[in-house]
Amino acid sequence: ESSLLPSLLPIRQSTDSPLLLACLTRNSGLVRLMCSKGEGCGVDPNTHASLGGHFHHPVMFALERSQPGEDFEEEIMGFGEQWVEGLSLLQTLSEAGADLQLVRRDGHNLLSL
């Protein structure tokens, strides 16, 4: 007798940071909401977090995602919007208590990127 329910594959729990995923979408409202809920959501704007197996600081991640990619000529038209969204994310993270004086391991900070 065959089962009516298909066999279910094991569900893999994501280790990606919800805050970094919100930063990736450049949605300041979502970032603000997550930060306002604080530890209940597991969100701390000063904690290095994982996304795609790599660790990032939310402030640096937001800034790096605001810059044009390698194909600069194709992205130049949308760069202004990306920059405004990136600055909005930085402001939101700052208002949530993120450390804007952060220095990365390689010596870079917000002003040197």
Protein backbone atom coordinates (compact mmCIF):
# COMPACT_ATOMS: atom_id res chain seq x y z
CA GLU A 1 0.00 0.00 0.00
CA SER A 2 1.54 3.34 -1.01
CA SER A 3 1.48 6.34 1.25
CA LEU A 4 -0.76 9.24 0.29
CA LEU A 5 1.81 11.74 1.60
CA PRO A 6 4.97 12.30 -0.38
CA SER A 7 8.21 11.82 1.49
CA LEU A 8 9.40 15.14 2.85
CA LEU A 9 12.96 16.26 2.44
CA PRO A 10 14.67 17.46 5.60
CA ILE A 11 14.23 21.19 6.03
CA ARG A 12 17.51 23.06 6.27
CA GLN A 13 17.43 25.92 8.72
CA SER A 14 18.98 29.08 7.34
CA THR A 15 21.90 30.64 9.19
CA ASP A 16 21.61 33.87 7.23
CA SER A 17 21.13 37.00 9.29
CA PRO A 18 17.63 38.49 9.00
CA LEU A 19 19.16 41.96 9.43
CA LEU A 20 21.64 41.46 6.59
CA LEU A 21 18.86 40.09 4.39
CA ALA A 22 16.85 43.24 5.12
CA CYS A 23 19.92 45.38 4.30
CA LEU A 24 20.34 43.43 1.07
CA THR A 25 16.85 44.53 -0.01
CA ARG A 26 17.77 48.14 0.89
CA ASN A 27 14.50 48.41 2.83
CA SER A 28 15.10 50.97 5.58
CA GLY A 29 11.61 50.52 6.98
CA LEU A 30 12.16 46.80 7.48
CA VAL A 31 15.60 47.41 9.03
CA ARG A 32 14.06 50.01 11.37
CA LEU A 33 11.28 47.61 12.39
CA MET A 34 13.71 44.77 13.05
CA CYS A 35 16.05 46.96 15.08
CA SER A 36 13.18 48.42 17.10
CA LYS A 37 12.16 44.92 18.17
CA GLY A 38 15.74 44.30 19.31
CA GLU A 39 16.78 41.05 20.87
CA GLY A 40 13.33 39.53 20.45
CA CYS A 41 14.11 39.30 16.73
CA GLY A 42 17.74 38.38 17.29
CA VAL A 43 18.80 41.68 15.70
CA ASP A 44 21.74 43.74 16.95
CA PRO A 45 23.14 46.35 14.54
CA ASN A 46 26.61 45.97 16.11
CA THR A 47 26.98 42.22 15.72
CA HIS A 48 28.88 40.59 12.87
CA ALA A 49 26.40 38.33 11.16
CA SER A 50 26.41 35.65 8.50
CA LEU A 51 25.02 35.87 4.99
CA GLY A 52 25.86 33.24 2.42
CA GLY A 53 28.50 31.75 4.70
CA HIS A 54 30.43 35.03 5.06
CA PHE A 55 30.41 37.30 8.09
CA HIS A 56 29.67 41.01 7.75
CA HIS A 57 29.05 43.98 10.00
CA PRO A 58 25.64 45.49 9.09
CA VAL A 59 27.03 49.04 8.66
CA MET A 60 29.79 47.95 6.27
CA PHE A 61 27.44 45.59 4.45
CA ALA A 62 24.90 48.39 3.88
CA LEU A 63 27.57 50.74 2.54
CA GLU A 64 29.21 48.14 0.31
CA ARG A 65 25.83 47.25 -1.23
CA SER A 66 25.26 50.94 -2.08
CA GLN A 67 28.23 51.16 -4.41
CA PRO A 68 28.13 50.27 -8.10
CA GLY A 69 29.35 46.84 -9.11
CA GLU A 70 32.11 45.85 -11.50
CA ASP A 71 30.10 46.81 -14.60
CA PHE A 72 30.08 50.49 -13.67
CA GLU A 73 28.86 51.79 -17.05
CA GLU A 74 25.68 49.70 -16.92
CA GLU A 75 24.96 50.63 -13.31
CA ILE A 76 25.81 54.35 -13.40
CA MET A 77 22.22 55.37 -14.17
CA GLY A 78 20.87 53.62 -11.05
CA PHE A 79 23.82 54.53 -8.85
CA GLY A 80 22.22 57.67 -7.40
CA GLU A 81 19.23 55.68 -6.16
CA GLN A 82 21.48 52.98 -4.70
CA TRP A 83 23.52 55.61 -2.87
CA VAL A 84 20.43 57.29 -1.39
CA GLU A 85 19.09 53.91 -0.25
CA GLY A 86 22.48 53.03 1.22
CA LEU A 87 22.68 56.32 3.15
CA SER A 88 19.14 55.75 4.39
CA LEU A 89 20.17 52.31 5.65
CA LEU A 90 23.22 53.79 7.39
CA GLN A 91 21.06 56.43 9.05
CA THR A 92 18.55 53.79 10.17
CA LEU A 93 21.31 51.56 11.57
CA SER A 94 22.88 54.56 13.31
CA GLU A 95 19.56 55.51 14.91
CA ALA A 96 19.30 51.90 16.12
CA GLY A 97 22.67 52.26 17.87
CA ALA A 98 25.10 50.92 15.26
CA ASP A 99 28.73 51.95 15.75
CA LEU A 100 29.68 54.14 12.78
CA GLN A 101 33.30 54.37 14.00
CA LEU A 102 33.82 50.69 13.21
CA VAL A 103 37.18 49.69 11.74
CA ARG A 104 37.38 46.44 9.79
CA ARG A 105 40.17 43.92 10.25
CA ASP A 106 41.82 45.22 7.08
CA GLY A 107 41.93 48.73 8.56
CA HIS A 108 39.11 50.22 6.47
CA ASN A 109 36.30 52.26 7.99
CA LEU A 110 33.24 54.01 6.54
CA LEU A 111 35.31 56.91 5.21
CA SER A 112 37.91 54.76 3.49
CA LEU A 113 35.53 52.54 1.53
